[in-house]
Amino acid sequence: SLLFDVPLQRREARGRIISADAQVRQSLLDARFAEERIQADVIQAYATLQALYRQLQDARENERANLDLERAEIQAFNAGFSNILFLNIREQATLDARISRIEAEGRYQSAYIDYLAALGLDILTAPSELLEATPPPQELNLGDNPPAGPRSAPAAADQPDPVDPDALQPPSDDEIP
């Protein structure tokens, strides 16, 4: 009986070792998979951030171009070379461009929050040192400086009345975002 118990105990111990070894390997593979998934999430969030930043830059350029055209249309109207219909169409195009820019800023800010989340940072609860240690988008090779925050449009009272030709003046440089 003594000879029979020893090999059985060895087999049981060997089985436990093999089982524990398999569990360790599975844990290592799970950890590696999680690490690769996190890396993929960060890369995806970063790529999205870059694409939305380019869209934001395009929307800003479109808004600037529309504002320039609106200024020219106002000057043409004041000089008598245009009419109120063309001026109204140009103002509507400028408004549409401004709305597009605001929407692009919202998408960009949302993508930046997603990027911070992929890095494991929560802007509401993370200590400010962690957020300051996160490279801002301009350091992430996103091109020109990203928006510092939402910009406010001029109040409606500041806008000229398009029906009154004497009130029509081109927007000042301060009004251009």
Protein backbone atom coordinates (compact mmCIF):
# COMPACT_ATOMS: atom_id res chain seq x y z
CA SER A 1 0.00 0.00 0.00
CA LEU A 2 2.90 2.32 0.67
CA LEU A 3 4.28 1.88 -2.81
CA PHE A 4 0.86 2.47 -4.31
CA ASP A 5 0.16 5.74 -2.37
CA VAL A 6 3.42 7.46 -3.25
CA PRO A 7 2.98 7.31 -7.04
CA LEU A 8 -0.67 8.38 -6.65
CA GLN A 9 0.36 11.38 -4.55
CA ARG A 10 3.00 12.27 -7.13
CA ARG A 11 0.45 12.09 -9.92
CA GLU A 12 -1.94 14.28 -7.95
CA ALA A 13 0.81 16.82 -7.21
CA ARG A 14 1.97 16.76 -10.81
CA GLY A 15 -1.63 17.35 -11.92
CA ARG A 16 -1.94 20.32 -9.55
CA ILE A 17 1.32 21.77 -10.89
CA ILE A 18 0.13 21.40 -14.48
CA SER A 19 -3.22 22.97 -13.57
CA ALA A 20 -1.56 25.87 -11.71
CA ASP A 21 0.84 26.33 -14.62
CA ALA A 22 -2.06 26.50 -17.05
CA GLN A 23 -3.85 29.05 -14.84
CA VAL A 24 -0.71 31.22 -14.72
CA ARG A 25 -0.35 31.04 -18.51
CA GLN A 26 -4.03 31.91 -18.94
CA SER A 27 -3.67 34.88 -16.58
CA LEU A 28 -0.63 36.09 -18.53
CA LEU A 29 -2.50 35.77 -21.81
CA ASP A 30 -5.51 37.60 -20.37
CA ALA A 31 -3.25 40.41 -19.15
CA ARG A 32 -1.53 40.61 -22.54
CA PHE A 33 -4.90 40.70 -24.32
CA ALA A 34 -6.13 43.48 -22.02
CA GLU A 35 -2.93 45.45 -22.61
CA GLU A 36 -3.24 45.10 -26.38
CA ARG A 37 -6.92 46.07 -26.25
CA ILE A 38 -6.08 49.20 -24.24
CA GLN A 39 -3.32 50.09 -26.70
CA ALA A 40 -5.74 49.65 -29.59
CA ASP A 41 -8.32 51.85 -27.82
CA VAL A 42 -5.74 54.60 -27.27
CA ILE A 43 -4.57 54.41 -30.89
CA GLN A 44 -8.17 54.51 -32.13
CA ALA A 45 -9.04 57.46 -29.89
CA TYR A 46 -5.92 59.30 -31.03
CA ALA A 47 -6.66 58.67 -34.72
CA THR A 48 -10.22 59.93 -34.21
CA LEU A 49 -8.90 62.99 -32.41
CA GLN A 50 -6.54 63.77 -35.30
CA ALA A 51 -9.27 63.37 -37.93
CA LEU A 52 -11.72 65.55 -36.02
CA TYR A 53 -9.05 68.20 -35.49
CA ARG A 54 -8.49 68.38 -39.25
CA GLN A 55 -12.26 68.67 -39.72
CA LEU A 56 -12.32 71.46 -37.15
CA GLN A 57 -9.56 73.33 -38.97
CA ASP A 58 -11.49 72.97 -42.24
CA ALA A 59 -14.69 74.23 -40.58
CA ARG A 60 -12.83 77.25 -39.17
CA GLU A 61 -11.35 78.05 -42.57
CA ASN A 62 -14.77 77.72 -44.16
CA GLU A 63 -16.23 80.11 -41.61
CA ARG A 64 -13.44 82.64 -42.20
CA ALA A 65 -13.98 82.45 -45.96
CA ASN A 66 -17.72 82.94 -45.56
CA LEU A 67 -17.15 85.92 -43.27
CA ASP A 68 -14.84 87.46 -45.86
CA LEU A 69 -17.47 86.93 -48.56
CA GLU A 70 -20.13 88.41 -46.30
CA ARG A 71 -17.98 91.50 -45.72
CA ALA A 72 -17.52 91.88 -49.46
CA GLU A 73 -21.26 91.48 -50.03
CA ILE A 74 -21.99 94.14 -47.38
CA GLN A 75 -19.58 96.51 -49.06
CA ALA A 76 -21.14 95.78 -52.46
CA PHE A 77 -24.60 96.36 -50.99
CA ASN A 78 -23.54 99.64 -49.38
CA ALA A 79 -22.03 100.72 -52.72
CA GLY A 80 -25.25 99.81 -54.52
CA PHE A 81 -23.83 96.87 -56.49
CA SER A 82 -25.80 94.18 -54.67
CA ASN A 83 -29.28 93.67 -53.31
CA ILE A 84 -30.80 92.51 -50.06
CA LEU A 85 -31.47 89.00 -51.42
CA PHE A 86 -27.81 88.32 -52.19
CA LEU A 87 -26.81 89.81 -48.86
CA ASN A 88 -29.30 87.60 -47.03
CA ILE A 89 -28.04 84.50 -48.86
CA ARG A 90 -24.45 85.38 -47.92
CA GLU A 91 -25.41 85.95 -44.27
CA GLN A 92 -27.20 82.58 -44.22
CA ALA A 93 -24.09 80.87 -45.64
CA THR A 94 -21.99 82.50 -42.92
CA LEU A 95 -24.42 81.33 -40.26
CA ASP A 96 -24.35 77.79 -41.68
CA ALA A 97 -20.54 77.85 -41.62
CA ARG A 98 -20.57 79.06 -38.01
CA ILE A 99 -22.95 76.26 -37.00
CA SER A 100 -20.70 73.72 -38.75
CA ARG A 101 -17.68 75.08 -36.87
CA ILE A 102 -19.47 74.88 -33.52
CA GLU A 103 -20.56 71.31 -34.23
CA ALA A 104 -16.99 70.42 -35.25
CA GLU A 105 -15.68 71.91 -31.99
CA GLY A 106 -18.18 69.79 -30.06
CA ARG A 107 -17.12 66.62 -31.86
CA TYR A 108 -13.46 67.47 -31.28
CA GLN A 109 -13.98 68.13 -27.56
CA SER A 110 -15.91 64.87 -27.25
CA ALA A 111 -13.08 62.99 -28.99
CA TYR A 112 -10.56 64.59 -26.64
CA ILE A 113 -12.57 63.37 -23.65
CA ASP A 114 -12.68 59.89 -25.22
CA TYR A 115 -8.91 60.06 -25.69
CA LEU A 116 -8.40 60.98 -22.03
CA ALA A 117 -10.70 58.13 -21.04
CA ALA A 118 -8.69 55.71 -23.19
CA LEU A 119 -5.61 56.87 -21.30
CA GLY A 120 -7.48 56.12 -18.08
CA LEU A 121 -7.97 59.73 -17.03
CA ASP A 122 -11.28 61.13 -15.84
CA ILE A 123 -11.39 64.91 -16.15
CA LEU A 124 -13.98 65.18 -13.39
CA THR A 125 -12.22 63.15 -10.70
CA ALA A 126 -8.56 62.93 -11.73
CA PRO A 127 -6.13 65.17 -9.86
CA SER A 128 -5.11 68.15 -11.95
CA GLU A 129 -1.49 66.93 -11.97
CA LEU A 130 -2.55 63.90 -14.02
CA LEU A 131 -4.45 66.01 -16.50
CA GLU A 132 -1.54 68.42 -16.78
CA ALA A 133 0.78 65.47 -17.42
CA THR A 134 -1.41 64.37 -20.34
CA PRO A 135 0.02 65.89 -23.49
CA PRO A 136 -2.38 68.41 -24.94
CA PRO A 137 -3.39 67.83 -28.57
CA GLN A 138 -0.90 70.35 -29.97
CA GLU A 139 1.88 68.16 -28.56
CA LEU A 140 0.30 65.13 -30.19
CA ASN A 141 1.26 66.29 -33.70
CA LEU A 142 -2.22 67.50 -34.48
CA GLY A 143 -1.00 70.45 -36.50
CA ASP A 144 -1.95 73.98 -35.53
CA ASN A 145 -3.04 74.83 -32.01
CA PRO A 146 -6.33 73.15 -31.13
CA PRO A 147 -9.20 75.14 -29.68
CA ALA A 148 -8.68 76.30 -26.13
CA GLY A 149 -12.38 76.02 -25.53
CA PRO A 150 -15.71 77.04 -26.97
CA ARG A 151 -15.86 80.47 -28.46
CA SER A 152 -18.85 82.65 -28.02
CA ALA A 153 -20.60 84.16 -30.97
CA PRO A 154 -21.47 87.85 -30.86
CA ALA A 155 -24.80 88.54 -29.23
CA ALA A 156 -27.80 89.08 -31.49
CA ALA A 157 -27.93 92.74 -30.43
CA ASP A 158 -24.42 93.19 -31.84
CA GLN A 159 -25.49 92.01 -35.30
CA PRO A 160 -26.55 94.66 -37.81
CA ASP A 161 -30.12 94.77 -39.06
CA PRO A 162 -29.86 93.68 -42.73
CA VAL A 163 -32.91 95.73 -43.70
CA ASP A 164 -31.33 99.04 -42.63
CA PRO A 165 -28.58 99.83 -45.19
CA ASP A 166 -27.02 102.44 -42.87
CA ALA A 167 -26.52 99.81 -40.15
CA LEU A 168 -24.71 97.38 -42.46
CA GLN A 169 -21.02 97.28 -41.66
CA PRO A 170 -18.56 94.48 -42.21
CA PRO A 171 -17.90 92.42 -39.08
CA SER A 172 -14.87 93.62 -37.15
CA ASP A 173 -11.83 91.38 -36.64
CA ASP A 174 -12.88 90.96 -32.99
CA GLU A 175 -16.12 89.30 -34.10
CA ILE A 176 -14.31 86.66 -36.14
CA PRO A 177 -13.62 83.55 -34.11
